[in-house]
């Protein structure tokens, strides 16, 4: 998986995607999701590193079947809040303090 972290005024923004969705566009009805290199491009890491990044995230955008499934398995995302966009999955995390 690919992870990109950015520090913002609101906290840590984490973008996670499966390697095979980077650069792809997914559509479902009027919804369109483009997984850009600019936003999602980062370091290729193992699942443990993804979990560590999500644990520290204030906001996270997660795209790709495996990435979203991992976030669900680890309790970061509720499966009911996952969007199917074309042939992939998308979820967002917002941690409020």
N, C-alpha and C. Protein backbone atom coordinates (compact mmCIF):
# COMPACT_ATOMS: atom_id res chain seq x y z
N UNK A 1 0.83 -1.17 0.00
CA UNK A 1 0.00 0.00 0.00
C UNK A 1 0.88 1.24 0.00
N UNK A 2 0.29 2.33 -0.39
CA UNK A 2 1.01 3.60 -0.46
C UNK A 2 0.42 4.55 0.58
N UNK A 3 1.30 5.19 1.33
CA UNK A 3 0.89 6.13 2.37
C UNK A 3 1.60 7.46 2.16
N UNK A 4 0.82 8.54 2.31
CA UNK A 4 1.38 9.88 2.29
C UNK A 4 0.85 10.62 3.50
N UNK A 5 1.74 11.21 4.28
CA UNK A 5 1.37 11.96 5.47
C UNK A 5 1.69 13.43 5.28
N UNK A 6 0.78 14.29 5.78
CA UNK A 6 1.01 15.74 5.74
C UNK A 6 0.56 16.32 7.07
N UNK A 7 1.38 17.16 7.65
CA UNK A 7 0.98 17.90 8.84
C UNK A 7 0.21 19.12 8.40
N UNK A 8 -0.96 19.34 8.99
CA UNK A 8 -1.78 20.51 8.70
C UNK A 8 -2.08 21.23 10.00
N UNK A 9 -2.70 22.40 9.92
CA UNK A 9 -3.07 23.12 11.13
C UNK A 9 -4.08 22.34 11.95
N UNK A 10 -4.86 21.49 11.30
CA UNK A 10 -5.87 20.70 11.99
C UNK A 10 -5.34 19.37 12.51
N UNK A 11 -4.11 19.00 12.15
CA UNK A 11 -3.54 17.73 12.58
C UNK A 11 -2.95 16.96 11.41
N UNK A 12 -2.74 15.68 11.61
CA UNK A 12 -2.10 14.83 10.60
C UNK A 12 -3.12 14.32 9.58
N UNK A 13 -2.87 14.64 8.32
CA UNK A 13 -3.68 14.16 7.20
C UNK A 13 -2.95 12.98 6.58
N UNK A 14 -3.63 11.84 6.50
CA UNK A 14 -3.04 10.62 5.94
C UNK A 14 -3.84 10.20 4.72
N UNK A 15 -3.15 9.91 3.64
CA UNK A 15 -3.76 9.37 2.43
C UNK A 15 -3.20 7.96 2.22
N UNK A 16 -4.08 7.00 2.07
CA UNK A 16 -3.68 5.61 1.89
C UNK A 16 -4.38 5.06 0.65
N UNK A 17 -3.63 4.34 -0.19
CA UNK A 17 -4.27 3.66 -1.32
C UNK A 17 -3.55 2.37 -1.64
N UNK A 18 -4.29 1.47 -2.28
CA UNK A 18 -3.67 0.27 -2.83
C UNK A 18 -2.78 0.71 -3.99
N UNK A 19 -1.69 0.00 -4.19
CA UNK A 19 -0.76 0.37 -5.27
C UNK A 19 -1.42 0.35 -6.65
N UNK A 20 -2.33 -0.59 -6.87
CA UNK A 20 -2.91 -0.74 -8.21
C UNK A 20 -3.98 0.30 -8.54
N UNK A 21 -4.38 1.16 -7.60
CA UNK A 21 -5.39 2.18 -7.90
C UNK A 21 -4.79 3.56 -8.14
N UNK A 22 -3.50 3.72 -7.83
CA UNK A 22 -2.85 5.02 -8.02
C UNK A 22 -2.89 5.41 -9.49
N UNK A 23 -3.38 6.60 -9.77
CA UNK A 23 -3.49 7.08 -11.14
C UNK A 23 -4.80 6.73 -11.83
N UNK A 24 -5.64 5.95 -11.16
CA UNK A 24 -6.90 5.51 -11.75
C UNK A 24 -8.05 6.45 -11.39
N UNK A 25 -9.10 6.43 -12.21
CA UNK A 25 -10.34 7.16 -11.93
C UNK A 25 -11.47 6.14 -11.84
N UNK A 26 -12.29 6.29 -10.81
CA UNK A 26 -13.42 5.40 -10.57
C UNK A 26 -14.69 6.23 -10.57
N UNK A 27 -15.75 5.67 -11.15
CA UNK A 27 -17.01 6.39 -11.23
C UNK A 27 -18.17 5.51 -10.80
N UNK A 28 -19.13 6.13 -10.13
CA UNK A 28 -20.35 5.46 -9.71
C UNK A 28 -21.46 6.50 -9.78
N UNK A 29 -22.31 6.39 -10.80
CA UNK A 29 -23.33 7.41 -11.01
C UNK A 29 -22.68 8.76 -11.27
N UNK A 30 -23.07 9.76 -10.49
CA UNK A 30 -22.49 11.10 -10.64
C UNK A 30 -21.19 11.27 -9.85
N UNK A 31 -20.83 10.28 -9.05
CA UNK A 31 -19.63 10.35 -8.22
C UNK A 31 -18.41 9.90 -9.03
N UNK A 32 -17.35 10.70 -8.96
CA UNK A 32 -16.10 10.37 -9.63
C UNK A 32 -14.95 10.55 -8.65
N UNK A 33 -14.05 9.59 -8.60
CA UNK A 33 -12.91 9.62 -7.69
C UNK A 33 -11.64 9.34 -8.49
N UNK A 34 -10.74 10.32 -8.51
CA UNK A 34 -9.45 10.14 -9.17
C UNK A 34 -8.37 10.04 -8.10
N UNK A 35 -7.61 8.96 -8.15
CA UNK A 35 -6.56 8.69 -7.16
C UNK A 35 -5.26 9.27 -7.72
N UNK A 36 -5.04 10.55 -7.45
CA UNK A 36 -3.91 11.27 -8.05
C UNK A 36 -2.59 11.00 -7.33
N UNK A 37 -1.54 11.06 -8.10
CA UNK A 37 -0.18 10.96 -7.57
C UNK A 37 0.08 12.10 -6.59
N UNK A 38 -0.42 13.28 -6.92
CA UNK A 38 -0.20 14.47 -6.09
C UNK A 38 -0.74 14.28 -4.67
N UNK A 39 -1.94 13.71 -4.56
CA UNK A 39 -2.55 13.55 -3.24
C UNK A 39 -2.17 12.24 -2.56
N UNK A 40 -2.20 11.14 -3.30
CA UNK A 40 -2.00 9.81 -2.71
C UNK A 40 -0.58 9.27 -2.87
N UNK A 41 0.20 9.83 -3.78
CA UNK A 41 1.54 9.31 -4.02
C UNK A 41 2.45 9.52 -2.82
N UNK A 42 3.07 8.46 -2.38
CA UNK A 42 3.94 8.55 -1.20
C UNK A 42 4.85 7.35 -1.16
N UNK A 43 5.00 6.81 0.03
CA UNK A 43 5.89 5.67 0.23
C UNK A 43 5.10 4.36 0.20
N UNK A 44 5.67 3.36 -0.46
CA UNK A 44 5.10 2.02 -0.44
C UNK A 44 5.52 1.37 0.89
N UNK A 45 4.51 0.95 1.66
CA UNK A 45 4.79 0.45 3.01
C UNK A 45 4.02 -0.84 3.26
N UNK A 46 4.37 -1.51 4.38
CA UNK A 46 3.65 -2.72 4.76
C UNK A 46 2.41 -2.37 5.58
N UNK A 47 1.60 -3.37 5.87
CA UNK A 47 0.35 -3.14 6.58
C UNK A 47 0.57 -2.54 7.97
N UNK A 48 1.63 -2.94 8.64
CA UNK A 48 1.92 -2.40 9.97
C UNK A 48 2.14 -0.89 9.93
N UNK A 49 2.81 -0.42 8.90
CA UNK A 49 3.04 1.02 8.75
C UNK A 49 1.75 1.76 8.44
N UNK A 50 0.87 1.14 7.65
CA UNK A 50 -0.43 1.74 7.36
C UNK A 50 -1.22 1.88 8.67
N UNK A 51 -1.24 0.83 9.46
CA UNK A 51 -1.95 0.86 10.74
C UNK A 51 -1.39 1.96 11.64
N UNK A 52 -0.07 2.09 11.70
CA UNK A 52 0.56 3.13 12.51
C UNK A 52 0.15 4.53 12.05
N UNK A 53 0.15 4.74 10.74
CA UNK A 53 -0.25 6.05 10.20
C UNK A 53 -1.71 6.35 10.51
N UNK A 54 -2.59 5.37 10.32
CA UNK A 54 -4.00 5.59 10.60
C UNK A 54 -4.25 5.84 12.09
N UNK A 55 -3.47 5.19 12.95
CA UNK A 55 -3.63 5.39 14.39
C UNK A 55 -3.27 6.82 14.81
N UNK A 56 -2.38 7.45 14.07
CA UNK A 56 -1.95 8.82 14.39
C UNK A 56 -2.72 9.88 13.63
N UNK A 57 -3.54 9.48 12.66
CA UNK A 57 -4.22 10.42 11.77
C UNK A 57 -5.34 11.19 12.47
N UNK A 58 -5.45 12.46 12.13
CA UNK A 58 -6.61 13.26 12.50
C UNK A 58 -7.66 13.11 11.40
N UNK A 59 -7.18 13.11 10.15
CA UNK A 59 -8.03 12.92 8.97
C UNK A 59 -7.34 11.91 8.07
N UNK A 60 -8.11 10.98 7.50
CA UNK A 60 -7.52 10.02 6.56
C UNK A 60 -8.48 9.79 5.40
N UNK A 61 -7.90 9.68 4.21
CA UNK A 61 -8.61 9.29 2.99
C UNK A 61 -8.02 7.95 2.57
N UNK A 62 -8.88 6.97 2.37
CA UNK A 62 -8.43 5.61 2.11
C UNK A 62 -9.13 5.10 0.85
N UNK A 63 -8.34 4.64 -0.12
CA UNK A 63 -8.91 4.14 -1.38
C UNK A 63 -8.27 2.79 -1.72
N UNK A 64 -9.11 1.89 -2.20
CA UNK A 64 -8.63 0.57 -2.62
C UNK A 64 -9.24 -0.49 -1.73
N UNK A 65 -9.56 -1.60 -2.31
CA UNK A 65 -10.23 -2.67 -1.58
C UNK A 65 -9.43 -3.14 -0.37
N UNK A 66 -8.16 -3.45 -0.56
CA UNK A 66 -7.34 -3.96 0.55
C UNK A 66 -7.13 -2.90 1.62
N UNK A 67 -6.84 -1.66 1.22
CA UNK A 67 -6.59 -0.59 2.19
C UNK A 67 -7.82 -0.35 3.05
N UNK A 68 -8.99 -0.30 2.42
CA UNK A 68 -10.23 -0.07 3.18
C UNK A 68 -10.53 -1.28 4.06
N UNK A 69 -10.35 -2.48 3.55
CA UNK A 69 -10.59 -3.68 4.36
C UNK A 69 -9.69 -3.69 5.59
N UNK A 70 -8.42 -3.30 5.44
CA UNK A 70 -7.50 -3.24 6.57
C UNK A 70 -7.99 -2.23 7.61
N UNK A 71 -8.44 -1.06 7.14
CA UNK A 71 -8.94 -0.03 8.05
C UNK A 71 -10.17 -0.53 8.82
N UNK A 72 -11.01 -1.32 8.16
CA UNK A 72 -12.18 -1.90 8.83
C UNK A 72 -11.73 -2.94 9.85
N UNK A 73 -10.83 -3.85 9.44
CA UNK A 73 -10.33 -4.91 10.32
C UNK A 73 -9.71 -4.34 11.59
N UNK A 74 -9.02 -3.21 11.46
CA UNK A 74 -8.31 -2.61 12.59
C UNK A 74 -9.18 -1.65 13.40
N UNK A 75 -10.46 -1.49 12.99
CA UNK A 75 -11.39 -0.69 13.77
C UNK A 75 -11.35 0.81 13.52
N UNK A 76 -10.67 1.23 12.45
CA UNK A 76 -10.61 2.66 12.14
C UNK A 76 -11.87 3.12 11.40
N UNK A 77 -12.45 2.24 10.62
CA UNK A 77 -13.60 2.56 9.76
C UNK A 77 -14.72 1.57 10.04
N UNK A 78 -15.95 2.07 10.11
CA UNK A 78 -17.13 1.22 10.20
C UNK A 78 -17.55 0.85 8.78
N UNK A 79 -17.74 -0.42 8.55
CA UNK A 79 -18.07 -0.90 7.21
C UNK A 79 -19.30 -0.20 6.62
N UNK A 80 -20.22 0.24 7.46
CA UNK A 80 -21.42 0.93 6.99
C UNK A 80 -21.11 2.28 6.36
N UNK A 81 -19.92 2.82 6.62
CA UNK A 81 -19.53 4.13 6.10
C UNK A 81 -18.63 4.06 4.87
N UNK A 82 -18.51 2.90 4.27
CA UNK A 82 -17.65 2.70 3.10
C UNK A 82 -18.45 2.93 1.83
N UNK A 83 -17.86 3.65 0.90
CA UNK A 83 -18.48 3.88 -0.40
C UNK A 83 -17.88 2.93 -1.43
N UNK A 84 -18.74 2.35 -2.26
CA UNK A 84 -18.27 1.62 -3.43
C UNK A 84 -18.29 2.61 -4.58
N UNK A 85 -17.12 2.83 -5.16
CA UNK A 85 -17.00 3.74 -6.29
C UNK A 85 -16.46 2.93 -7.46
N UNK A 86 -17.33 2.60 -8.39
CA UNK A 86 -16.91 1.73 -9.49
C UNK A 86 -16.46 0.40 -8.93
N UNK A 87 -15.22 0.03 -9.24
CA UNK A 87 -14.69 -1.26 -8.82
C UNK A 87 -13.81 -1.18 -7.58
N UNK A 88 -13.84 -0.06 -6.86
CA UNK A 88 -13.00 0.06 -5.68
C UNK A 88 -13.80 0.56 -4.50
N UNK A 89 -13.15 0.64 -3.35
CA UNK A 89 -13.77 1.13 -2.12
C UNK A 89 -13.09 2.42 -1.69
N UNK A 90 -13.86 3.28 -1.01
CA UNK A 90 -13.34 4.55 -0.51
C UNK A 90 -13.92 4.80 0.88
N UNK A 91 -13.09 5.28 1.78
CA UNK A 91 -13.55 5.63 3.12
C UNK A 91 -12.76 6.83 3.62
N UNK A 92 -13.39 7.58 4.51
CA UNK A 92 -12.72 8.71 5.13
C UNK A 92 -12.82 8.57 6.64
N UNK A 93 -11.79 9.04 7.31
CA UNK A 93 -11.71 9.02 8.76
C UNK A 93 -11.55 10.45 9.23
N UNK A 94 -12.34 10.85 10.22
CA UNK A 94 -12.18 12.15 10.86
C UNK A 94 -12.23 11.91 12.35
N UNK A 95 -11.11 12.18 13.01
CA UNK A 95 -11.01 11.98 14.45
C UNK A 95 -11.16 13.35 15.10
N UNK A 96 -12.19 13.49 15.93
CA UNK A 96 -12.45 14.76 16.59
C UNK A 96 -12.04 14.68 18.04
N UNK A 97 -11.32 15.69 18.49
CA UNK A 97 -10.83 15.71 19.88
C UNK A 97 -11.56 16.76 20.68
